Amino acid sequence: MVRPMSAGRDDQYETLAGEGRGELELIKGSRFLARLAPVDNEDEAAAFLERVRAEFKDASHHCWAWRLGHPSPRFRSADDGEPSGSAGRPILAQLEGHDLSDLAVVVVRWFGGTKLGVGGLMRAYGGAAGHALDRAARRTVLIRTRLEVEHPYACEGAVQGLLAARSLVPVDPRYGEHVAFAVEVVERDVEDFTRELADRTAGRARVQRG
């Protein structure tokens, strides 16, 4: 089952809530096991792949794909010795079809003695990944925008009150002629935050996207 996509929203996306796994019934003696993990970057994806390889050293193949970022995700996949396009691409297609990002999937195969052909491999690798993804718990990630804020010292109380009300934490504060800092605001709230900041400081605070 492929879940509906998120209607093209650019202010949020979905990823895994935690690691997961799924395994198909034996296919002509071959075993296909999918392992899933949320990852934040390529290094974490590579580390997850190595962990799975170490856990299943006796397997014939460890084929994988990862997808990172939103709304224009980066991605990679690999067949690990299977015929070109028969493993990594079907796994990646499942990540895209399930509309998930910031995750890595490794499908482990133990060869059962009978060749499956390219079509059979594509169904098996994609099926194992899809089987695991269908059952995986998800979480929604709200995309945040870095804003640079500058205001006179006289506005300190008003600005700190706004930050506290919205549970925002200033980053990289600088104290010169004015107070300046950065803050991460959920994209959907940027316009409202900017408007309220102007109201509380009588327009004396300035905001720029970082």
Foldseek 3Di string as FASTA:
>chain_A
DADDAPVPDQFKFKAFPAKWKFWDDADLQKTKIKIKGFAADPVRQVVVQVVVCVVCVVFPAKWKKAWADPDDIDMDTDDRPDPPPQAGVLLVVLCVRNRHHRMMMIMTMHDGPDDLPSVRSSCRRNVRNNRTVVPTHMDMDGAWFKKKKKAAPVLVVLVVVLCVVVVWDWADWDDDRIIMTITIGRPVCVVVSVVSSCVSRVNRMDMDTD
